[in-house]
Amino acid sequence: EMPLRMDEIYAALDRCTLFLSVGTSGMVY
């Protein structure tokens, strides 16, 4: 299934100056 609120997430990624990834395997897209 498609994850939720993806438009909001990508909009935030497009304006971020710091992106942190915490506690994730990096296996799930």
mmCIF file of all heavy atoms, coordinates in Angstrom:
data_MODEL
# 
_entry.id   MODEL 
# 
loop_
_atom_site.group_PDB 
_atom_site.id 
_atom_site.type_symbol 
_atom_site.label_atom_id 
_atom_site.label_alt_id 
_atom_site.label_comp_id 
_atom_site.label_asym_id 
_atom_site.label_entity_id 
_atom_site.label_seq_id 
_atom_site.pdbx_PDB_ins_code 
_atom_site.Cartn_x 
_atom_site.Cartn_y 
_atom_site.Cartn_z 
_atom_site.occupancy 
_atom_site.B_iso_or_equiv 
_atom_site.pdbx_formal_charge 
_atom_site.auth_seq_id 
_atom_site.auth_comp_id 
_atom_site.auth_asym_id 
_atom_site.auth_atom_id 
_atom_site.pdbx_PDB_model_num 
ATOM 1   N N   . GLU A 1 1  ? 0.839  -1.196 0.000  1.00 0.00 ? 1  GLU A N   1 
ATOM 2   C CA  . GLU A 1 1  ? 0.000  0.000  0.000  1.00 0.00 ? 1  GLU A CA  1 
ATOM 3   C C   . GLU A 1 1  ? 0.880  1.253  0.000  1.00 0.00 ? 1  GLU A C   1 
ATOM 4   O O   . GLU A 1 1  ? 2.027  1.232  0.437  1.00 0.00 ? 1  GLU A O   1 
ATOM 5   C CB  . GLU A 1 1  ? -0.916 0.022  1.223  1.00 0.00 ? 1  GLU A CB  1 
ATOM 6   C CG  . GLU A 1 1  ? -1.933 -1.095 1.242  1.00 0.00 ? 1  GLU A CG  1 
ATOM 7   C CD  . GLU A 1 1  ? -2.901 -0.966 2.411  1.00 0.00 ? 1  GLU A CD  1 
ATOM 8   O OE1 . GLU A 1 1  ? -2.427 -0.863 3.557  1.00 0.00 ? 1  GLU A OE1 1 
ATOM 9   O OE2 . GLU A 1 1  ? -4.112 -0.978 2.169  1.00 0.00 ? 1  GLU A OE2 1 
ATOM 10  N N   . MET A 1 2  ? 0.317  2.348  -0.494 1.00 0.00 ? 2  MET A N   1 
ATOM 11  C CA  . MET A 1 2  ? 1.051  3.609  -0.543 1.00 0.00 ? 2  MET A CA  1 
ATOM 12  C C   . MET A 1 2  ? 1.096  4.257  0.838  1.00 0.00 ? 2  MET A C   1 
ATOM 13  O O   . MET A 1 2  ? 0.062  4.383  1.497  1.00 0.00 ? 2  MET A O   1 
ATOM 14  C CB  . MET A 1 2  ? 0.367  4.568  -1.523 1.00 0.00 ? 2  MET A CB  1 
ATOM 15  C CG  . MET A 1 2  ? 1.043  5.933  -1.637 1.00 0.00 ? 2  MET A CG  1 
ATOM 16  S SD  . MET A 1 2  ? 2.741  5.850  -2.237 1.00 0.00 ? 2  MET A SD  1 
ATOM 17  C CE  . MET A 1 2  ? 2.483  5.266  -3.922 1.00 0.00 ? 2  MET A CE  1 
ATOM 18  N N   . PRO A 1 3  ? 2.283  4.647  1.311  1.00 0.00 ? 3  PRO A N   1 
ATOM 19  C CA  . PRO A 1 3  ? 2.358  5.369  2.587  1.00 0.00 ? 3  PRO A CA  1 
ATOM 20  C C   . PRO A 1 3  ? 1.532  6.651  2.558  1.00 0.00 ? 3  PRO A C   1 
ATOM 21  O O   . PRO A 1 3  ? 1.196  7.180  1.490  1.00 0.00 ? 3  PRO A O   1 
ATOM 22  C CB  . PRO A 1 3  ? 3.855  5.673  2.717  1.00 0.00 ? 3  PRO A CB  1 
ATOM 23  C CG  . PRO A 1 3  ? 4.522  4.590  1.935  1.00 0.00 ? 3  PRO A CG  1 
ATOM 24  C CD  . PRO A 1 3  ? 3.609  4.358  0.761  1.00 0.00 ? 3  PRO A CD  1 
ATOM 25  N N   . LEU A 1 4  ? 1.243  7.162  3.728  1.00 0.00 ? 4  LEU A N   1 
ATOM 26  C CA  . LEU A 1 4  ? 0.372  8.317  3.874  1.00 0.00 ? 4  LEU A CA  1 
ATOM 27  C C   . LEU A 1 4  ? 1.152  9.625  3.801  1.00 0.00 ? 4  LEU A C   1 
ATOM 28  O O   . LEU A 1 4  ? 2.330  9.674  4.124  1.00 0.00 ? 4  LEU A O   1 
ATOM 29  C CB  . LEU A 1 4  ? -0.359 8.243  5.216  1.00 0.00 ? 4  LEU A CB  1 
ATOM 30  C CG  . LEU A 1 4  ? -1.095 6.937  5.514  1.00 0.00 ? 4  LEU A CG  1 
ATOM 31  C CD1 . LEU A 1 4  ? -1.636 6.950  6.943  1.00 0.00 ? 4  LEU A CD1 1 
ATOM 32  C CD2 . LEU A 1 4  ? -2.219 6.704  4.511  1.00 0.00 ? 4  LEU A CD2 1 
ATOM 33  N N   . ARG A 1 5  ? 0.488  10.681 3.357  1.00 0.00 ? 5  ARG A N   1 
ATOM 34  C CA  . ARG A 1 5  ? 0.949  12.072 3.437  1.00 0.00 ? 5  ARG A CA  1 
ATOM 35  C C   . ARG A 1 5  ? 2.273  12.302 2.700  1.00 0.00 ? 5  ARG A C   1 
ATOM 36  O O   . ARG A 1 5  ? 3.096  13.117 3.091  1.00 0.00 ? 5  ARG A O   1 
ATOM 37  C CB  . ARG A 1 5  ? 1.050  12.504 4.906  1.00 0.00 ? 5  ARG A CB  1 
ATOM 38  C CG  . ARG A 1 5  ? -0.240 12.221 5.664  1.00 0.00 ? 5  ARG A CG  1 
ATOM 39  C CD  . ARG A 1 5  ? -0.218 12.657 7.085  1.00 0.00 ? 5  ARG A CD  1 
ATOM 40  N NE  . ARG A 1 5  ? -0.345 14.106 7.200  1.00 0.00 ? 5  ARG A NE  1 
ATOM 41  C CZ  . ARG A 1 5  ? -0.525 14.735 8.362  1.00 0.00 ? 5  ARG A CZ  1 
ATOM 42  N NH1 . ARG A 1 5  ? -0.600 14.040 9.482  1.00 0.00 ? 5  ARG A NH1 1 
ATOM 43  N NH2 . ARG A 1 5  ? -0.607 16.053 8.402  1.00 0.00 ? 5  ARG A NH2 1 
ATOM 44  N N   . MET A 1 6  ? 2.434  11.591 1.590  1.00 0.00 ? 6  MET A N   1 
ATOM 45  C CA  . MET A 1 6  ? 3.696  11.675 0.853  1.00 0.00 ? 6  MET A CA  1 
ATOM 46  C C   . MET A 1 6  ? 3.915  13.059 0.232  1.00 0.00 ? 6  MET A C   1 
ATOM 47  O O   . MET A 1 6  ? 5.067  13.516 0.144  1.00 0.00 ? 6  MET A O   1 
ATOM 48  C CB  . MET A 1 6  ? 3.743  10.593 -0.217 1.00 0.00 ? 6  MET A CB  1 
ATOM 49  C CG  . MET A 1 6  ? 3.812  9.177  0.339  1.00 0.00 ? 6  MET A CG  1 
ATOM 50  S SD  . MET A 1 6  ? 5.200  8.933  1.490  1.00 0.00 ? 6  MET A SD  1 
ATOM 51  C CE  . MET A 1 6  ? 6.581  9.204  0.396  1.00 0.00 ? 6  MET A CE  1 
ATOM 52  N N   . ASP A 1 7  ? 2.861  13.726 -0.200 1.00 0.00 ? 7  ASP A N   1 
ATOM 53  C CA  . ASP A 1 7  ? 3.030  15.067 -0.775 1.00 0.00 ? 7  ASP A CA  1 
ATOM 54  C C   . ASP A 1 7  ? 3.620  16.022 0.259  1.00 0.00 ? 7  ASP A C   1 
ATOM 55  O O   . ASP A 1 7  ? 4.524  16.815 -0.053 1.00 0.00 ? 7  ASP A O   1 
ATOM 56  C CB  . ASP A 1 7  ? 1.692  15.613 -1.284 1.00 0.00 ? 7  ASP A CB  1 
ATOM 57  C CG  . ASP A 1 7  ? 1.212  14.906 -2.546 1.00 0.00 ? 7  ASP A CG  1 
ATOM 58  O OD1 . ASP A 1 7  ? 2.030  14.192 -3.162 1.00 0.00 ? 7  ASP A OD1 1 
ATOM 59  O OD2 . ASP A 1 7  ? 0.030  15.053 -2.893 1.00 0.00 ? 7  ASP A OD2 1 
ATOM 60  N N   . GLU A 1 8  ? 3.117  15.959 1.495  1.00 0.00 ? 8  GLU A N   1 
ATOM 61  C CA  . GLU A 1 8  ? 3.637  16.815 2.563  1.00 0.00 ? 8  GLU A CA  1 
ATOM 62  C C   . GLU A 1 8  ? 5.088  16.469 2.887  1.00 0.00 ? 8  GLU A C   1 
ATOM 63  O O   . GLU A 1 8  ? 5.916  17.354 3.144  1.00 0.00 ? 8  GLU A O   1 
ATOM 64  C CB  . GLU A 1 8  ? 2.786  16.668 3.829  1.00 0.00 ? 8  GLU A CB  1 
ATOM 65  C CG  . GLU A 1 8  ? 1.354  17.138 3.697  1.00 0.00 ? 8  GLU A CG  1 
ATOM 66  C CD  . GLU A 1 8  ? 0.546  16.771 4.919  1.00 0.00 ? 8  GLU A CD  1 
ATOM 67  O OE1 . GLU A 1 8  ? 0.774  17.381 5.986  1.00 0.00 ? 8  GLU A OE1 1 
ATOM 68  O OE2 . GLU A 1 8  ? -0.302 15.863 4.818  1.00 0.00 ? 8  GLU A OE2 1 
ATOM 69  N N   . ILE A 1 9  ? 5.396  15.195 2.867  1.00 0.00 ? 9  ILE A N   1 
ATOM 70  C CA  . ILE A 1 9  ? 6.751  14.764 3.208  1.00 0.00 ? 9  ILE A CA  1 
ATOM 71  C C   . ILE A 1 9  ? 7.747  15.248 2.164  1.00 0.00 ? 9  ILE A C   1 
ATOM 72  O O   . ILE A 1 9  ? 8.796  15.824 2.500  1.00 0.00 ? 9  ILE A O   1 
ATOM 73  C CB  . ILE A 1 9  ? 6.801  13.235 3.341  1.00 0.00 ? 9  ILE A CB  1 
ATOM 74  C CG1 . ILE A 1 9  ? 5.996  12.792 4.574  1.00 0.00 ? 9  ILE A CG1 1 
ATOM 75  C CG2 . ILE A 1 9  ? 8.243  12.740 3.441  1.00 0.00 ? 9  ILE A CG2 1 
ATOM 76  C CD1 . ILE A 1 9  ? 5.757  11.299 4.661  1.00 0.00 ? 9  ILE A CD1 1 
ATOM 77  N N   . TYR A 1 10 ? 7.434  15.058 0.887  1.00 0.00 ? 10 TYR A N   1 
ATOM 78  C CA  . TYR A 1 10 ? 8.373  15.486 -0.157 1.00 0.00 ? 10 TYR A CA  1 
ATOM 79  C C   . TYR A 1 10 ? 8.500  16.996 -0.201 1.00 0.00 ? 10 TYR A C   1 
ATOM 80  O O   . TYR A 1 10 ? 9.585  17.525 -0.486 1.00 0.00 ? 10 TYR A O   1 
ATOM 81  C CB  . TYR A 1 10 ? 7.953  14.923 -1.509 1.00 0.00 ? 10 TYR A CB  1 
ATOM 82  C CG  . TYR A 1 10 ? 8.376  13.489 -1.698 1.00 0.00 ? 10 TYR A CG  1 
ATOM 83  C CD1 . TYR A 1 10 ? 7.441  12.472 -1.850 1.00 0.00 ? 10 TYR A CD1 1 
ATOM 84  C CD2 . TYR A 1 10 ? 9.729  13.146 -1.709 1.00 0.00 ? 10 TYR A CD2 1 
ATOM 85  C CE1 . TYR A 1 10 ? 7.834  11.152 -2.016 1.00 0.00 ? 10 TYR A CE1 1 
ATOM 86  C CE2 . TYR A 1 10 ? 10.131 11.820 -1.866 1.00 0.00 ? 10 TYR A CE2 1 
ATOM 87  C CZ  . TYR A 1 10 ? 9.183  10.838 -2.018 1.00 0.00 ? 10 TYR A CZ  1 
ATOM 88  O OH  . TYR A 1 10 ? 9.585  9.529  -2.168 1.00 0.00 ? 10 TYR A OH  1 
ATOM 89  N N   . ALA A 1 11 ? 7.424  17.708 0.100  1.00 0.00 ? 11 ALA A N   1 
ATOM 90  C CA  . ALA A 1 11 ? 7.510  19.172 0.158  1.00 0.00 ? 11 ALA A CA  1 
ATOM 91  C C   . ALA A 1 11 ? 8.484  19.606 1.256  1.00 0.00 ? 11 ALA A C   1 
ATOM 92  O O   . ALA A 1 11 ? 9.267  20.545 1.079  1.00 0.00 ? 11 ALA A O   1 
ATOM 93  C CB  . ALA A 1 11 ? 6.128  19.775 0.397  1.00 0.00 ? 11 ALA A CB  1 
ATOM 94  N N   . ALA A 1 12 ? 8.445  18.907 2.401  1.00 0.00 ? 12 ALA A N   1 
ATOM 95  C CA  . ALA A 1 12 ? 9.365  19.231 3.484  1.00 0.00 ? 12 ALA A CA  1 
ATOM 96  C C   . ALA A 1 12 ? 10.800 18.864 3.122  1.00 0.00 ? 12 ALA A C   1 
ATOM 97  O O   . ALA A 1 12 ? 11.744 19.616 3.401  1.00 0.00 ? 12 ALA A O   1 
ATOM 98  C CB  . ALA A 1 12 ? 8.945  18.517 4.763  1.00 0.00 ? 12 ALA A CB  1 
ATOM 99  N N   . LEU A 1 13 ? 10.986 17.717 2.477  1.00 0.00 ? 13 LEU A N   1 
ATOM 100 C CA  . LEU A 1 13 ? 12.328 17.318 2.053  1.00 0.00 ? 13 LEU A CA  1 
ATOM 101 C C   . LEU A 1 13 ? 12.920 18.337 1.080  1.00 0.00 ? 13 LEU A C   1 
ATOM 102 O O   . LEU A 1 13 ? 14.116 18.635 1.121  1.00 0.00 ? 13 LEU A O   1 
ATOM 103 C CB  . LEU A 1 13 ? 12.288 15.935 1.402  1.00 0.00 ? 13 LEU A CB  1 
ATOM 104 C CG  . LEU A 1 13 ? 11.953 14.749 2.316  1.00 0.00 ? 13 LEU A CG  1 
ATOM 105 C CD1 . LEU A 1 13 ? 11.795 13.485 1.495  1.00 0.00 ? 13 LEU A CD1 1 
ATOM 106 C CD2 . LEU A 1 13 ? 13.027 14.557 3.388  1.00 0.00 ? 13 LEU A CD2 1 
ATOM 107 N N   . ASP A 1 14 ? 12.073 18.900 0.231  1.00 0.00 ? 14 ASP A N   1 
ATOM 108 C CA  . ASP A 1 14 ? 12.541 19.856 -0.773 1.00 0.00 ? 14 ASP A CA  1 
ATOM 109 C C   . ASP A 1 14 ? 12.978 21.187 -0.177 1.00 0.00 ? 14 ASP A C   1 
ATOM 110 O O   . ASP A 1 14 ? 13.672 21.957 -0.853 1.00 0.00 ? 14 ASP A O   1 
ATOM 111 C CB  . ASP A 1 14 ? 11.453 20.107 -1.819 1.00 0.00 ? 14 ASP A CB  1 
ATOM 112 C CG  . ASP A 1 14 ? 11.288 18.935 -2.779 1.00 0.00 ? 14 ASP A CG  1 
ATOM 113 O OD1 . ASP A 1 14 ? 12.196 18.076 -2.827 1.00 0.00 ? 14 ASP A OD1 1 
ATOM 114 O OD2 . ASP A 1 14 ? 10.249 18.870 -3.471 1.00 0.00 ? 14 ASP A OD2 1 
ATOM 115 N N   . ARG A 1 15 ? 12.570 21.475 1.056  1.00 0.00 ? 15 ARG A N   1 
ATOM 116 C CA  . ARG A 1 15 ? 12.975 22.738 1.678  1.00 0.00 ? 15 ARG A CA  1 
ATOM 117 C C   . ARG A 1 15 ? 13.907 22.533 2.876  1.00 0.00 ? 15 ARG A C   1 
ATOM 118 O O   . ARG A 1 15 ? 14.288 23.495 3.542  1.00 0.00 ? 15 ARG A O   1 
ATOM 119 C CB  . ARG A 1 15 ? 11.749 23.541 2.109  1.00 0.00 ? 15 ARG A CB  1 
ATOM 120 C CG  . ARG A 1 15 ? 10.889 22.913 3.198  1.00 0.00 ? 15 ARG A CG  1 
ATOM 121 C CD  . ARG A 1 15 ? 9.716  23.817 3.598  1.00 0.00 ? 15 ARG A CD  1 
ATOM 122 N NE  . ARG A 1 15 ? 8.909  23.227 4.645  1.00 0.00 ? 15 ARG A NE  1 
ATOM 123 C CZ  . ARG A 1 15 ? 7.841  22.451 4.447  1.00 0.00 ? 15 ARG A CZ  1 
ATOM 124 N NH1 . ARG A 1 15 ? 7.446  22.186 3.213  1.00 0.00 ? 15 ARG A NH1 1 
ATOM 125 N NH2 . ARG A 1 15 ? 7.157  21.948 5.473  1.00 0.00 ? 15 ARG A NH2 1 
ATOM 126 N N   . CYS A 1 16 ? 14.281 21.295 3.140  1.00 0.00 ? 16 CYS A N   1 
ATOM 127 C CA  . CYS A 1 16 ? 15.082 21.055 4.338  1.00 0.00 ? 16 CYS A CA  1 
ATOM 128 C C   . CYS A 1 16 ? 16.533 21.480 4.127  1.00 0.00 ? 16 CYS A C   1 
ATOM 129 O O   . CYS A 1 16 ? 17.053 21.469 3.003  1.00 0.00 ? 16 CYS A O   1 
ATOM 130 C CB  . CYS A 1 16 ? 14.997 19.596 4.779  1.00 0.00 ? 16 CYS A CB  1 
ATOM 131 S SG  . CYS A 1 16 ? 16.018 18.440 3.849  1.00 0.00 ? 16 CYS A SG  1 
ATOM 132 N N   . THR A 1 17 ? 17.162 21.867 5.214  1.00 0.00 ? 17 THR A N   1 
ATOM 133 C CA  . THR A 1 17 ? 18.597 22.162 5.202  1.00 0.00 ? 17 THR A CA  1 
ATOM 134 C C   . THR A 1 17 ? 19.375 21.125 6.012  1.00 0.00 ? 17 THR A C   1 
ATOM 135 O O   . THR A 1 17 ? 20.593 21.070 5.914  1.00 0.00 ? 17 THR A O   1 
ATOM 136 C CB  . THR A 1 17 ? 18.867 23.565 5.767  1.00 0.00 ? 17 THR A CB  1 
ATOM 137 O OG1 . THR A 1 17 ? 18.118 23.735 6.976  1.00 0.00 ? 17 THR A OG1 1 
ATOM 138 C CG2 . THR A 1 17 ? 18.436 24.635 4.777  1.00 0.00 ? 17 THR A CG2 1 
ATOM 139 N N   . LEU A 1 18 ? 18.669 20.331 6.801  1.00 0.00 ? 18 LEU A N   1 
ATOM 140 C CA  . LEU A 1 18 ? 19.258 19.200 7.501  1.00 0.00 ? 18 LEU A CA  1 
ATOM 141 C C   . LEU A 1 18 ? 18.282 18.039 7.451  1.00 0.00 ? 18 LEU A C   1 
ATOM 142 O O   . LEU A 1 18 ? 17.110 18.191 7.817  1.00 0.00 ? 18 LEU A O   1 
ATOM 143 C CB  . LEU A 1 18 ? 19.565 19.552 8.963  1.00 0.00 ? 18 LEU A CB  1 
ATOM 144 C CG  . LEU A 1 18 ? 20.004 18.389 9.870  1.00 0.00 ? 18 LEU A CG  1 
ATOM 145 C CD1 . LEU A 1 18 ? 21.310 17.768 9.387  1.00 0.00 ? 18 LEU A CD1 1 
ATOM 146 C CD2 . LEU A 1 18 ? 20.136 18.847 11.325 1.00 0.00 ? 18 LEU A CD2 1 
ATOM 147 N N   . PHE A 1 19 ? 18.761 16.895 6.978  1.00 0.00 ? 19 PHE A N   1 
ATOM 148 C CA  . PHE A 1 19 ? 17.958 15.676 6.976  1.00 0.00 ? 19 PHE A CA  1 
ATOM 149 C C   . PHE A 1 19 ? 18.638 14.649 7.862  1.00 0.00 ? 19 PHE A C   1 
ATOM 150 O O   . PHE A 1 19 ? 19.783 14.268 7.627  1.00 0.00 ? 19 PHE A O   1 
ATOM 151 C CB  . PHE A 1 19 ? 17.806 15.116 5.556  1.00 0.00 ? 19 PHE A CB  1 
ATOM 152 C CG  . PHE A 1 19 ? 17.138 13.768 5.504  1.00 0.00 ? 19 PHE A CG  1 
ATOM 153 C CD1 . PHE A 1 19 ? 15.788 13.647 5.818  1.00 0.00 ? 19 PHE A CD1 1 
ATOM 154 C CD2 . PHE A 1 19 ? 17.852 12.628 5.168  1.00 0.00 ? 19 PHE A CD2 1 
ATOM 155 C CE1 . PHE A 1 19 ? 15.164 12.409 5.793  1.00 0.00 ? 19 PHE A CE1 1 
ATOM 156 C CE2 . PHE A 1 19 ? 17.243 11.381 5.142  1.00 0.00 ? 19 PHE A CE2 1 
ATOM 157 C CZ  . PHE A 1 19 ? 15.890 11.273 5.450  1.00 0.00 ? 19 PHE A CZ  1 
ATOM 158 N N   . LEU A 1 20 ? 17.925 14.221 8.901  1.00 0.00 ? 20 LEU A N   1 
ATOM 159 C CA  . LEU A 1 20 ? 18.427 13.206 9.821  1.00 0.00 ? 20 LEU A CA  1 
ATOM 160 C C   . LEU A 1 20 ? 17.648 11.909 9.636  1.00 0.00 ? 20 LEU A C   1 
ATOM 161 O O   . LEU A 1 20 ? 16.419 11.929 9.517  1.00 0.00 ? 20 LEU A O   1 
ATOM 162 C CB  . LEU A 1 20 ? 18.263 13.653 11.272 1.00 0.00 ? 20 LEU A CB  1 
ATOM 163 C CG  . LEU A 1 20 ? 19.035 14.860 11.778 1.00 0.00 ? 20 LEU A CG  1 
ATOM 164 C CD1 . LEU A 1 20 ? 18.688 15.129 13.238 1.00 0.00 ? 20 LEU A CD1 1 
ATOM 165 C CD2 . LEU A 1 20 ? 20.526 14.620 11.640 1.00 0.00 ? 20 LEU A CD2 1 
ATOM 166 N N   . SER A 1 21 ? 18.350 10.813 9.638  1.00 0.00 ? 21 SER A N   1 
ATOM 167 C CA  . SER A 1 21 ? 17.715 9.500  9.626  1.00 0.00 ? 21 SER A CA  1 
ATOM 168 C C   . SER A 1 21 ? 18.106 8.788  10.907 1.00 0.00 ? 21 SER A C   1 
ATOM 169 O O   . SER A 1 21 ? 19.291 8.595  11.180 1.00 0.00 ? 21 SER A O   1 
ATOM 170 C CB  . SER A 1 21 ? 18.175 8.696  8.405  1.00 0.00 ? 21 SER A CB  1 
ATOM 171 O OG  . SER A 1 21 ? 17.594 7.405  8.399  1.00 0.00 ? 21 SER A OG  1 
ATOM 172 N N   . VAL A 1 22 ? 17.114 8.394  11.692 1.00 0.00 ? 22 VAL A N   1 
ATOM 173 C CA  . VAL A 1 22 ? 17.364 7.843  13.021 1.00 0.00 ? 22 VAL A CA  1 
ATOM 174 C C   . VAL A 1 22 ? 16.701 6.475  13.161 1.00 0.00 ? 22 VAL A C   1 
ATOM 175 O O   . VAL A 1 22 ? 15.484 6.350  13.001 1.00 0.00 ? 22 VAL A O   1 
ATOM 176 C CB  . VAL A 1 22 ? 16.822 8.783  14.121 1.00 0.00 ? 22 VAL A CB  1 
ATOM 177 C CG1 . VAL A 1 22 ? 17.062 8.182  15.503 1.00 0.00 ? 22 VAL A CG1 1 
ATOM 178 C CG2 . VAL A 1 22 ? 17.447 10.171 14.025 1.00 0.00 ? 22 VAL A CG2 1 
ATOM 179 N N   . GLY A 1 23 ? 17.496 5.458  13.437 1.00 0.00 ? 23 GLY A N   1 
ATOM 180 C CA  . GLY A 1 23 ? 16.942 4.159  13.790 1.00 0.00 ? 23 GLY A CA  1 
ATOM 181 C C   . GLY A 1 23 ? 16.183 3.460  12.688 1.00 0.00 ? 23 GLY A C   1 
ATOM 182 O O   . GLY A 1 23 ? 15.176 2.814  12.956 1.00 0.00 ? 23 GLY A O   1 
ATOM 183 N N   . THR A 1 24 ? 16.679 3.549  11.455 1.00 0.00 ? 24 THR A N   1 
ATOM 184 C CA  . THR A 1 24 ? 15.978 2.880  10.359 1.00 0.00 ? 24 THR A CA  1 
ATOM 185 C C   . THR A 1 24 ? 16.957 2.044  9.547  1.00 0.00 ? 24 THR A C   1 
ATOM 186 O O   . THR A 1 24 ? 18.127 2.412  9.391  1.00 0.00 ? 24 THR A O   1 
ATOM 187 C CB  . THR A 1 24 ? 15.238 3.896  9.465  1.00 0.00 ? 24 THR A CB  1 
ATOM 188 O OG1 . THR A 1 24 ? 14.576 3.207  8.402  1.00 0.00 ? 24 THR A OG1 1 
ATOM 189 C CG2 . THR A 1 24 ? 16.181 4.935  8.895  1.00 0.00 ? 24 THR A CG2 1 
ATOM 190 N N   . SER A 1 25 ? 16.479 0.926  9.033  1.00 0.00 ? 25 SER A N   1 
ATOM 191 C CA  . SER A 1 25 ? 17.336 -0.038 8.352  1.00 0.00 ? 25 SER A CA  1 
ATOM 192 C C   . SER A 1 25 ? 17.732 0.399  6.956  1.00 0.00 ? 25 SER A C   1 
ATOM 193 O O   . SER A 1 25 ? 18.695 -0.117 6.386  1.00 0.00 ? 25 SER A O   1 
ATOM 194 C CB  . SER A 1 25 ? 16.626 -1.399 8.270  1.00 0.00 ? 25 SER A CB  1 
ATOM 195 O OG  . SER A 1 25 ? 15.481 -1.297 7.432  1.00 0.00 ? 25 SER A OG  1 
ATOM 196 N N   . GLY A 1 26 ? 16.968 1.326  6.378  1.00 0.00 ? 26 GLY A N   1 
ATOM 197 C CA  . GLY A 1 26 ? 17.232 1.718  4.997  1.00 0.00 ? 26 GLY A CA  1 
ATOM 198 C C   . GLY A 1 26 ? 16.819 0.669  3.993  1.00 0.00 ? 26 GLY A C   1 
ATOM 199 O O   . GLY A 1 26 ? 17.288 0.665  2.851  1.00 0.00 ? 26 GLY A O   1 
ATOM 200 N N   . MET A 1 27 ? 15.909 -0.210 4.385  1.00 0.00 ? 27 MET A N   1 
ATOM 201 C CA  . MET A 1 27 ? 15.485 -1.306 3.504  1.00 0.00 ? 27 MET A CA  1 
ATOM 202 C C   . MET A 1 27 ? 14.097 -1.102 2.922  1.00 0.00 ? 27 MET A C   1 
ATOM 203 O O   . MET A 1 27 ? 13.732 -1.765 1.951  1.00 0.00 ? 27 MET A O   1 
ATOM 204 C CB  . MET A 1 27 ? 15.514 -2.632 4.289  1.00 0.00 ? 27 MET A CB  1 
ATOM 205 C CG  . MET A 1 27 ? 16.893 -3.030 4.785  1.00 0.00 ? 27 MET A CG  1 
ATOM 206 S SD  . MET A 1 27 ? 16.847 -4.507 5.832  1.00 0.00 ? 27 MET A SD  1 
ATOM 207 C CE  . MET A 1 27 ? 16.283 -5.751 4.686  1.00 0.00 ? 27 MET A CE  1 
ATOM 208 N N   . VAL A 1 28 ? 13.295 -0.225 3.534  1.00 0.00 ? 28 VAL A N   1 
ATOM 209 C CA  . VAL A 1 28 ? 11.898 -0.083 3.127  1.00 0.00 ? 28 VAL A CA  1 
ATOM 210 C C   . VAL A 1 28 ? 11.701 1.229  2.366  1.00 0.00 ? 28 VAL A C   1 
ATOM 211 O O   . VAL A 1 28 ? 11.984 2.309  2.886  1.00 0.00 ? 28 VAL A O   1 
ATOM 212 C CB  . VAL A 1 28 ? 10.961 -0.133 4.356  1.00 0.00 ? 28 VAL A CB  1 
ATOM 213 C CG1 . VAL A 1 28 ? 9.518  0.033  3.925  1.00 0.00 ? 28 VAL A CG1 1 
ATOM 214 C CG2 . VAL A 1 28 ? 11.141 -1.447 5.111  1.00 0.00 ? 28 VAL A CG2 1 
ATOM 215 N N   . TYR A 1 29 ? 11.222 1.119  1.150  1.00 0.00 ? 29 TYR A N   1 
ATOM 216 C CA  . TYR A 1 29 ? 10.925 2.297  0.348  1.00 0.00 ? 29 TYR A CA  1 
ATOM 217 C C   . TYR A 1 29 ? 9.452  2.648  0.459  1.00 0.00 ? 29 TYR A C   1 
ATOM 218 O O   . TYR A 1 29 ? 8.636  1.791  0.738  1.00 0.00 ? 29 TYR A O   1 
ATOM 219 C CB  . TYR A 1 29 ? 11.297 2.009  -1.119 1.00 0.00 ? 29 TYR A CB  1 
ATOM 220 C CG  . TYR A 1 29 ? 12.790 2.029  -1.346 1.00 0.00 ? 29 TYR A CG  1 
ATOM 221 C CD1 . TYR A 1 29 ? 13.564 0.909  -1.057 1.00 0.00 ? 29 TYR A CD1 1 
ATOM 222 C CD2 . TYR A 1 29 ? 13.427 3.173  -1.814 1.00 0.00 ? 29 TYR A CD2 1 
ATOM 223 C CE1 . TYR A 1 29 ? 14.942 0.927  -1.231 1.00 0.00 ? 29 TYR A CE1 1 
ATOM 224 C CE2 . TYR A 1 29 ? 14.809 3.199  -1.997 1.00 0.00 ? 29 TYR A CE2 1 
ATOM 225 C CZ  . TYR A 1 29 ? 15.556 2.075  -1.711 1.00 0.00 ? 29 TYR A CZ  1 
ATOM 226 O OH  . TYR A 1 29 ? 16.911 2.108  -1.879 1.00 0.00 ? 29 TYR A OH  1 
# 
